[in-house]
Amino acid sequence: MASNRLHARELGIFLRARRNRLRPQDVGLEPGGRRKVAGLRREELALLAGLSTDYYQRMEQGREVRPSDDLLDALATALKLDEEERRHLFALADAVRRGAPEVRGDEEVVPDATRHLLHSLSTPAYVLGRHLDVLAWNDMAEALLGDPSDAQPPQRNMLMALFLDPEVRFRCAHWESTAVEYLGMLRATVAADPSHPRGTAIVGELSIRSTDFRRLWDRYDVRAPVQGTKTFRHREIGEITLDWATYPLPGGPGPVLMVYTAEPGTAEAEKLALLGVLHQNRRSRS
């Protein structure tokens, strides 16, 4: 089955990325002489996990092997995976073993009620699709990071903006950590449905156009936070640090509402209010 092969390939990519991250000294081995690989050799990792080199090589090559839970536990320990990475390993292996269905669904649509909520908020907010397409936004989001409608619909994507738009890159004060967070979100989506045409198109285009994307994508970071803090640069109000959180919309896997907020009564809240006034003044003059 083609779907199984793609999930097996994704499992192999993840294992290889995590093996390359480890050095011999990290797992109590002597580095030895000159090494052809930056991380552990396949045979070293197989030895640590207690399985044959041939079996492990077949896993990395994306062949449709069906490892047991005990074997996966041993691999997770040998690779020094944290809890989130361990869950991702098991999810990938389950998809191979069970032939996980494609998670296509219908075209992503923003309900009218969500649009009304979005525009009633006095703080920046977006609706993001499964592959981080910007499906809807409010005036405050436009004031904070620019107008998504300046881009053509296929380019109206948070990762496209982060990696290809110099102005968006400037406005993200800690650009790389922001990019890694969004890449973790996309990784989770791609792992669930590796053949989805939208995911394939985004990864393909960014791989061609951005060396930074290739570098960070190859790290295979699987952390997909649902809340945090981000600092933005703005040419009129300076730096502003906001809390953010995502809220899934009803109807299963699909779009989420991402909202940025500032604690009332703080300097950040005052900056956010000023940003809104400046944006409205600009719009009234145009």
Protein backbone atom coordinates (compact mmCIF):
# COMPACT_ATOMS: atom_id res chain seq x y z
CA MET A 1 0.00 0.00 0.00
CA ALA A 2 1.43 3.40 -1.03
CA SER A 3 0.27 5.07 2.19
CA ASN A 4 2.20 2.51 4.27
CA ARG A 5 5.36 3.07 2.25
CA LEU A 6 5.15 6.81 2.82
CA HIS A 7 4.66 6.35 6.56
CA ALA A 8 7.58 3.89 6.62
CA ARG A 9 9.71 6.45 4.81
CA GLU A 10 8.74 9.13 7.35
CA LEU A 11 9.71 6.76 10.20
CA GLY A 12 13.08 6.17 8.54
CA ILE A 13 13.73 9.91 8.15
CA PHE A 14 12.95 10.49 11.82
CA LEU A 15 15.24 7.68 13.00
CA ARG A 16 18.10 8.89 10.83
CA ALA A 17 17.74 12.46 12.06
CA ARG A 18 17.81 11.34 15.68
CA ARG A 19 20.76 8.99 15.14
CA ASN A 20 22.76 11.75 13.47
CA ARG A 21 22.10 13.98 16.47
CA LEU A 22 23.97 11.65 18.85
CA ARG A 23 27.72 11.48 19.26
CA PRO A 24 29.53 8.31 20.46
CA GLN A 25 30.47 9.97 23.74
CA ASP A 26 26.80 10.78 24.37
CA VAL A 27 26.08 7.07 24.75
CA GLY A 28 29.31 5.97 26.43
CA LEU A 29 31.21 4.90 23.30
CA GLU A 30 34.73 5.86 22.31
CA PRO A 31 34.81 8.07 19.20
CA GLY A 32 37.68 6.05 17.76
CA GLY A 33 39.52 7.22 14.66
CA ARG A 34 38.27 9.32 11.78
CA ARG A 35 34.51 8.87 11.25
CA LYS A 36 32.58 9.27 8.01
CA VAL A 37 29.35 10.22 9.81
CA ALA A 38 28.69 13.06 12.24
CA GLY A 39 26.51 10.99 14.57
CA LEU A 40 26.34 7.34 15.54
CA ARG A 41 26.85 4.64 12.94
CA ARG A 42 23.86 2.40 12.21
CA GLU A 43 25.62 -0.61 13.68
CA GLU A 44 26.37 1.30 16.89
CA LEU A 45 22.75 2.33 17.33
CA ALA A 46 21.54 -1.21 16.55
CA LEU A 47 23.91 -2.62 19.16
CA LEU A 48 22.67 -0.18 21.80
CA ALA A 49 19.05 -1.05 21.01
CA GLY A 50 19.68 -4.79 20.95
CA LEU A 51 18.60 -5.50 17.35
CA SER A 52 20.38 -6.55 14.20
CA THR A 53 22.04 -3.94 12.02
CA ASP A 54 20.15 -5.32 9.00
CA TYR A 55 16.75 -4.84 10.68
CA TYR A 56 17.58 -1.32 11.81
CA GLN A 57 18.92 -0.43 8.35
CA ARG A 58 15.64 -1.61 6.82
CA MET A 59 13.77 0.71 9.19
CA GLU A 60 15.90 3.71 8.20
CA GLN A 61 15.52 2.86 4.52
CA GLY A 62 11.76 3.13 4.85
CA ARG A 63 10.95 -0.53 4.29
CA GLU A 64 7.65 -1.70 5.71
CA VAL A 65 8.91 -3.42 8.84
CA ARG A 66 6.57 -3.70 11.83
CA PRO A 67 8.59 -3.22 15.01
CA SER A 68 7.13 -4.35 18.33
CA ASP A 69 6.49 -1.96 21.21
CA ASP A 70 9.44 -3.50 23.10
CA LEU A 71 11.72 -2.81 20.16
CA LEU A 72 10.45 0.77 19.92
CA ASP A 73 11.08 1.23 23.64
CA ALA A 74 14.64 0.03 23.16
CA LEU A 75 15.14 2.39 20.22
CA ALA A 76 13.71 5.34 22.15
CA THR A 77 16.13 4.64 25.01
CA ALA A 78 19.12 4.20 22.70
CA LEU A 79 18.30 7.42 20.84
CA LYS A 80 17.75 9.30 24.13
CA LEU A 81 14.33 10.53 23.01
CA ASP A 82 12.32 12.81 25.26
CA GLU A 83 8.64 12.10 25.94
CA GLU A 84 7.36 14.10 22.96
CA GLU A 85 9.84 12.48 20.58
CA ARG A 86 9.00 9.05 21.99
CA ARG A 87 5.28 9.62 21.35
CA HIS A 88 6.12 10.69 17.80
CA LEU A 89 8.18 7.52 17.23
CA PHE A 90 5.29 5.32 18.38
CA ALA A 91 2.77 7.29 16.29
CA LEU A 92 4.89 6.83 13.16
CA ALA A 93 5.37 3.11 13.85
CA ASP A 94 1.63 2.65 14.50
CA ALA A 95 0.88 4.29 11.15
CA VAL A 96 3.17 1.77 9.44
CA ARG A 97 1.79 -1.22 11.33
CA ARG A 98 -1.87 -0.35 10.97
CA GLY A 99 -1.89 1.38 7.60
CA ALA A 100 -3.08 4.76 8.92
CA PRO A 101 -5.71 6.36 6.66
CA GLU A 102 -5.00 9.58 4.86
CA VAL A 103 -6.26 12.61 6.79
CA ARG A 104 -7.58 14.61 3.86
CA GLY A 105 -11.01 15.88 4.80
CA ASP A 106 -12.84 18.57 2.89
CA GLU A 107 -11.51 21.97 1.88
CA GLU A 108 -10.66 23.98 4.99
CA VAL A 109 -13.41 26.50 5.62
CA VAL A 110 -13.63 29.13 8.34
CA PRO A 111 -17.16 29.15 9.84
CA ASP A 112 -19.00 32.48 9.87
CA ALA A 113 -19.20 32.34 13.66
CA THR A 114 -15.41 32.07 13.85
CA ARG A 115 -14.99 35.05 11.50
CA HIS A 116 -17.36 37.09 13.70
CA LEU A 117 -15.34 36.13 16.79
CA LEU A 118 -12.07 36.92 15.01
CA HIS A 119 -13.16 40.45 14.13
CA SER A 120 -14.64 41.10 17.57
CA LEU A 121 -11.25 40.59 19.21
CA SER A 122 -9.18 43.68 20.03
CA THR A 123 -5.96 41.66 19.90
CA PRO A 124 -4.08 40.00 17.00
CA ALA A 125 -5.62 36.71 15.87
CA TYR A 126 -5.40 34.34 12.88
CA VAL A 127 -7.08 31.17 11.71
CA LEU A 128 -4.42 28.74 10.53
CA GLY A 129 -5.07 25.63 8.47
CA ARG A 130 -3.50 22.21 9.07
CA HIS A 131 -0.51 23.14 6.91
CA LEU A 132 -0.26 26.65 8.45
CA ASP A 133 -2.12 28.39 5.64
CA VAL A 134 -3.47 31.75 6.82
CA LEU A 135 -7.22 31.31 6.26
CA ALA A 136 -8.48 34.42 8.05
CA TRP A 137 -7.14 37.26 10.18
CA ASN A 138 -8.24 40.45 11.90
CA ASP A 139 -7.04 44.05 11.68
CA MET A 140 -4.75 43.71 14.70
CA ALA A 141 -2.99 40.70 13.15
CA GLU A 142 -2.48 42.78 10.00
CA ALA A 143 -1.06 45.61 12.14
CA LEU A 144 1.36 43.26 13.91
CA LEU A 145 2.79 41.24 11.00
CA GLY A 146 1.51 42.84 7.80
CA ASP A 147 -1.38 42.16 5.44
CA PRO A 148 -1.55 38.50 4.28
CA SER A 149 -3.66 39.57 1.30
CA ASP A 150 -0.53 41.13 -0.21
CA ALA A 151 0.48 37.54 -1.08
CA GLN A 152 -1.26 35.26 -3.57
CA PRO A 153 -3.43 32.58 -1.88
CA PRO A 154 -0.91 29.70 -2.43
CA GLN A 155 1.76 31.83 -0.72
CA ARG A 156 -0.54 32.90 2.12
CA ASN A 157 1.11 30.58 4.59
CA MET A 158 2.86 31.24 7.90
CA LEU A 159 5.98 29.27 6.97
CA MET A 160 6.17 30.83 3.50
CA ALA A 161 6.07 34.24 5.14
CA LEU A 162 8.66 33.37 7.79
CA PHE A 163 11.18 31.96 5.35
CA LEU A 164 10.58 34.07 2.24
CA ASP A 165 9.31 37.51 3.36
CA PRO A 166 12.12 39.75 4.71
CA GLU A 167 9.65 42.04 6.50
CA VAL A 168 8.00 39.18 8.41
CA ARG A 169 11.46 37.84 9.27
CA PHE A 170 12.46 41.27 10.61
CA ARG A 171 9.33 41.51 12.74
CA CYS A 172 10.01 38.17 14.49
CA ALA A 173 12.66 39.15 17.04
CA HIS A 174 13.62 35.54 17.77
CA TRP A 175 13.15 34.33 14.23
CA GLU A 176 14.74 30.89 14.41
CA SER A 177 12.91 29.74 17.54
CA THR A 178 9.64 30.93 15.98
CA ALA A 179 10.43 29.04 12.76
CA VAL A 180 11.25 25.86 14.72
CA GLU A 181 7.89 26.02 16.53
CA TYR A 182 5.96 26.30 13.27
CA LEU A 183 8.07 23.57 11.67
CA GLY A 184 7.17 21.28 14.57
CA MET A 185 3.50 21.92 13.84
CA LEU A 186 3.98 21.14 10.14
CA ARG A 187 5.99 17.99 10.94
CA ALA A 188 3.08 16.61 12.97
CA THR A 189 0.70 17.24 10.05
CA VAL A 190 3.04 15.74 7.45
CA ALA A 191 3.64 12.66 9.61
CA ALA A 192 -0.13 12.06 9.81
CA ASP A 193 -0.57 12.29 6.02
CA PRO A 194 2.78 12.31 4.16
CA SER A 195 1.17 12.32 0.70
CA HIS A 196 -1.12 15.32 1.19
CA PRO A 197 -0.60 17.56 -1.87
CA ARG A 198 -0.59 20.80 0.14
CA GLY A 199 2.09 19.57 2.53
CA THR A 200 4.15 18.24 -0.37
CA ALA A 201 3.87 21.58 -2.21
CA ILE A 202 4.93 23.67 0.81
CA VAL A 203 7.91 21.48 1.71
CA GLY A 204 8.96 21.25 -1.93
CA GLU A 205 8.85 24.98 -2.61
CA LEU A 206 10.58 25.98 0.61
CA SER A 207 13.25 23.31 0.12
CA ILE A 208 14.07 24.88 -3.25
CA ARG A 209 13.90 28.53 -2.19
CA SER A 210 15.32 28.59 1.35
CA THR A 211 18.58 27.17 2.67
CA ASP A 212 17.38 28.01 6.20
CA PHE A 213 14.29 25.88 5.67
CA ARG A 214 16.37 22.92 4.46
CA ARG A 215 18.68 23.23 7.47
CA LEU A 216 15.90 23.41 10.06
CA TRP A 217 13.61 20.87 8.35
CA ASP A 218 16.41 18.29 8.35
CA ARG A 219 16.62 18.60 12.15
CA TYR A 220 13.17 16.96 12.32
CA ASP A 221 11.99 18.81 15.42
CA VAL A 222 8.64 17.33 16.48
CA ARG A 223 7.70 19.74 19.25
CA ALA A 224 4.39 21.39 18.40
CA PRO A 225 3.53 23.78 21.25
CA VAL A 226 0.00 25.09 21.68
CA GLN A 227 0.95 28.17 23.69
CA GLY A 228 3.96 30.32 24.48
CA THR A 229 5.45 33.80 24.27
CA LYS A 230 6.79 35.66 21.24
CA THR A 231 8.61 38.95 20.85
CA PHE A 232 7.97 41.06 17.76
CA ARG A 233 9.75 44.08 16.32
CA HIS A 234 7.58 46.84 14.94
CA ARG A 235 8.88 49.88 13.11
CA GLU A 236 6.47 52.22 14.93
CA ILE A 237 6.14 50.86 18.47
CA GLY A 238 9.46 49.03 18.90
CA GLU A 239 9.59 45.58 20.49
CA ILE A 240 6.49 44.00 21.99
CA THR A 241 6.26 40.65 23.80
CA LEU A 242 2.93 38.84 23.64
CA ASP A 243 1.52 35.57 24.96
CA TRP A 244 0.01 33.28 22.35
CA ALA A 245 -2.22 30.23 22.35
CA THR A 246 -4.01 28.08 19.77
CA TYR A 247 -7.63 26.91 20.02
CA PRO A 248 -8.89 24.09 17.77
CA LEU A 249 -12.08 24.87 15.88
CA PRO A 250 -14.99 22.43 16.14
CA GLY A 251 -15.06 19.56 13.68
CA GLY A 252 -11.97 17.45 14.29
CA PRO A 253 -8.43 17.93 12.95
CA GLY A 254 -8.22 21.10 10.93
CA PRO A 255 -7.95 24.86 11.40
CA VAL A 256 -7.02 26.46 14.71
CA LEU A 257 -7.52 29.96 16.06
CA MET A 258 -4.20 31.55 17.12
CA VAL A 259 -4.53 34.53 19.47
CA TYR A 260 -1.87 36.92 20.81
CA THR A 261 -2.58 38.71 24.08
CA ALA A 262 -0.98 41.06 26.60
CA GLU A 263 -1.76 41.18 30.30
CA PRO A 264 -4.05 44.16 31.03
CA GLY A 265 -2.40 47.15 32.65
CA THR A 266 1.11 46.30 31.42
CA ALA A 267 3.39 48.24 29.12
CA GLU A 268 2.80 45.54 26.47
CA ALA A 269 -0.95 46.15 26.66
CA GLU A 270 -0.35 49.87 26.15
CA LYS A 271 1.84 49.15 23.11
CA LEU A 272 -0.83 46.84 21.72
CA ALA A 273 -3.47 49.56 22.10
CA LEU A 274 -1.17 52.08 20.41
CA LEU A 275 -0.59 49.63 17.57
CA GLY A 276 -4.34 49.43 17.02
CA VAL A 277 -4.74 53.22 16.97
CA LEU A 278 -1.85 53.67 14.52
CA HIS A 279 -3.25 51.00 12.23
CA GLN A 280 -6.75 52.50 12.23
CA ASN A 281 -5.33 55.96 11.53
CA ARG A 282 -3.36 54.57 8.60
CA ARG A 283 -6.43 52.85 7.18
CA SER A 284 -8.57 55.99 7.51
CA ARG A 285 -6.00 57.99 5.52
CA SER A 286 -5.80 55.44 2.70
